[in-house]
Amino acid sequence: MTTQLSIHATHQGGMRVLLEANGHLVPTDYPLPGGEPTVGMTSLQLLLGSLASCSANGLKALLRKEGVNLTALNVHATGQRRETHPTILESIHLAFEIEGENLEATTLERALEFAESHLCPVWVMLRASTPISRSLAIHPSSKPTAMEVSS
């Protein structure tokens, strides 16, 4: 079974394009030397954002299913862009920062591996042509428990 996805792109002048899908608008832009200030992310930043959000959601869904409660989940995506055209991303790194109580590194690593290979379609598509590395930082919860709040 397949599902058709669509997005509408309207050129706005300069290097600006307005994306629209399901009533949501996302402005994109590309900075030109000596040009006007940008009004949105570049296409490659949107690609990194898609990978970061997809991997975060996949990981969160897996951990929720395992009964793991997180107090914070952050993904910092960076890409090395080639200087010559086409200026593709030659490599990507995803830095996961996870906060919660009683987090086990093996459980988190196993969930990340599954998200990478089965849950996040953006990750699966990109890894076929672009090396993607990842790191994981685990932090104890900094949010006070109910007992700490009432004391």
Protein backbone atom coordinates (compact mmCIF):
# COMPACT_ATOMS: atom_id res chain seq x y z
CA MET A 1 0.00 0.00 0.00
CA THR A 2 1.27 3.46 -0.84
CA THR A 3 0.20 6.90 0.26
CA GLN A 4 0.69 9.91 -1.93
CA LEU A 5 2.19 12.94 -0.23
CA SER A 6 2.23 16.37 -1.82
CA ILE A 7 3.53 19.82 -1.14
CA HIS A 8 3.06 23.04 -3.08
CA ALA A 9 6.00 25.39 -3.64
CA THR A 10 5.46 29.00 -4.72
CA HIS A 11 8.44 31.10 -5.76
CA GLN A 12 8.32 34.44 -3.94
CA GLY A 13 11.13 36.31 -5.71
CA GLY A 14 14.84 36.39 -5.02
CA MET A 15 15.69 32.96 -3.63
CA ARG A 16 12.55 32.69 -1.52
CA VAL A 17 10.04 29.87 -1.85
CA LEU A 18 6.93 29.36 0.25
CA LEU A 19 6.01 25.74 0.93
CA GLU A 20 2.43 24.74 1.75
CA ALA A 21 1.02 21.41 2.87
CA ASN A 22 -2.22 20.75 4.73
CA GLY A 23 -2.61 24.45 5.52
CA HIS A 24 0.88 24.73 7.03
CA LEU A 25 3.26 27.30 5.54
CA VAL A 26 7.05 27.09 5.65
CA PRO A 27 9.15 29.86 4.12
CA THR A 28 12.50 28.84 2.64
CA ASP A 29 15.32 31.01 1.45
CA TYR A 30 18.90 30.88 0.27
CA PRO A 31 21.37 33.57 1.33
CA LEU A 32 23.08 35.30 -1.55
CA PRO A 33 26.32 37.23 -1.03
CA GLY A 34 25.40 40.86 -0.32
CA GLY A 35 21.72 39.98 -0.51
CA GLU A 36 18.78 40.66 1.75
CA PRO A 37 18.40 38.95 5.15
CA THR A 38 16.90 35.48 4.86
CA VAL A 39 13.31 34.77 5.81
CA GLY A 40 13.52 31.00 6.22
CA MET A 41 15.70 27.94 6.33
CA THR A 42 17.58 26.64 3.33
CA SER A 43 16.51 23.42 1.63
CA LEU A 44 19.43 21.50 3.19
CA GLN A 45 18.52 22.83 6.65
CA LEU A 46 14.97 21.58 6.08
CA LEU A 47 16.38 18.19 5.10
CA LEU A 48 18.41 18.06 8.33
CA GLY A 49 15.32 19.16 10.25
CA SER A 50 13.25 16.40 8.64
CA LEU A 51 15.84 13.82 9.66
CA ALA A 52 16.09 15.21 13.22
CA SER A 53 12.32 15.32 13.77
CA CYS A 54 11.70 11.92 12.17
CA SER A 55 14.42 10.23 14.24
CA ALA A 56 13.25 11.95 17.44
CA ASN A 57 9.65 10.83 16.88
CA GLY A 58 10.68 7.28 16.03
CA LEU A 59 12.88 7.04 19.12
CA LYS A 60 10.20 8.54 21.38
CA ALA A 61 7.55 6.13 20.08
CA LEU A 62 9.81 3.12 20.67
CA LEU A 63 10.78 4.21 24.16
CA ARG A 64 7.17 4.93 25.13
CA LYS A 65 6.28 1.40 23.97
CA GLU A 66 9.10 0.07 26.20
CA GLY A 67 7.72 2.03 29.17
CA VAL A 68 10.68 4.43 29.24
CA ASN A 69 9.70 7.91 30.42
CA LEU A 70 11.79 10.77 29.11
CA THR A 71 11.81 14.29 30.50
CA ALA A 72 13.68 15.66 27.48
CA LEU A 73 14.73 14.49 24.02
CA ASN A 74 16.85 16.71 21.78
CA VAL A 75 18.46 15.95 18.44
CA HIS A 76 21.15 18.20 17.00
CA ALA A 77 21.69 17.46 13.31
CA THR A 78 24.78 18.71 11.49
CA GLY A 79 25.83 18.15 7.92
CA GLN A 80 29.07 18.67 6.03
CA ARG A 81 28.17 20.45 2.80
CA ARG A 82 30.34 20.12 -0.27
CA GLU A 83 31.72 23.45 -1.49
CA THR A 84 31.31 22.70 -5.20
CA HIS A 85 28.01 22.24 -7.04
CA PRO A 86 25.92 20.35 -6.44
CA THR A 87 26.51 21.32 -2.80
CA ILE A 88 25.19 18.09 -1.36
CA LEU A 89 25.60 16.94 2.22
CA GLU A 90 28.58 14.60 2.17
CA SER A 91 28.01 13.41 5.74
CA ILE A 92 25.52 13.92 8.56
CA HIS A 93 25.82 13.57 12.32
CA LEU A 94 22.91 13.21 14.72
CA ALA A 95 23.65 14.02 18.36
CA PHE A 96 20.89 12.69 20.62
CA GLU A 97 20.54 14.14 24.13
CA ILE A 98 18.15 12.24 26.33
CA GLU A 99 17.08 13.09 29.85
CA GLY A 100 15.10 10.95 32.25
CA GLU A 101 15.20 8.67 35.26
CA ASN A 102 16.72 5.19 35.26
CA LEU A 103 17.72 5.30 31.60
CA GLU A 104 19.68 2.30 30.38
CA ALA A 105 22.22 2.87 27.61
CA THR A 106 21.60 -0.56 26.06
CA THR A 107 17.84 0.06 25.80
CA LEU A 108 18.42 3.49 24.26
CA GLU A 109 21.02 2.18 21.78
CA ARG A 110 18.75 -0.69 20.72
CA ALA A 111 15.86 1.74 20.19
CA LEU A 112 18.10 4.08 18.16
CA GLU A 113 19.25 1.21 15.95
CA PHE A 114 15.65 0.17 15.29
CA ALA A 115 14.56 3.77 14.57
CA GLU A 116 17.48 4.11 12.16
CA SER A 117 16.77 0.92 10.23
CA HIS A 118 12.97 0.57 10.42
CA LEU A 119 11.01 3.55 11.75
CA CYS A 120 12.38 6.78 10.33
CA PRO A 121 11.84 6.82 6.55
CA VAL A 122 14.01 9.92 6.15
CA TRP A 123 16.95 8.15 7.83
CA VAL A 124 16.44 5.00 5.75
CA MET A 125 16.32 7.03 2.51
CA LEU A 126 19.31 9.24 3.27
CA ARG A 127 21.66 6.56 4.58
CA ALA A 128 21.63 4.85 1.18
CA SER A 129 23.63 7.76 -0.27
CA THR A 130 24.98 9.76 2.69
CA PRO A 131 27.01 8.51 5.66
CA ILE A 132 25.08 9.23 8.88
CA SER A 133 26.80 8.93 12.24
CA ARG A 134 25.18 9.35 15.63
CA SER A 135 26.06 9.95 19.25
CA LEU A 136 24.04 9.56 22.41
CA ALA A 137 24.31 11.58 25.63
CA ILE A 138 22.23 10.40 28.58
CA HIS A 139 21.45 12.78 31.43
CA PRO A 140 19.57 12.21 34.69
CA SER A 141 16.33 14.14 34.96
CA SER A 142 16.75 17.73 36.12
CA LYS A 143 13.03 18.16 36.72
CA PRO A 144 12.06 17.87 40.39
CA THR A 145 9.97 14.91 41.42
CA ALA A 146 6.63 15.43 43.21
CA MET A 147 8.37 14.65 46.54
CA GLU A 148 11.03 17.33 45.92
CA VAL A 149 8.39 19.92 45.02
CA SER A 150 6.29 19.34 48.15
CA SER A 151 9.21 19.40 50.61
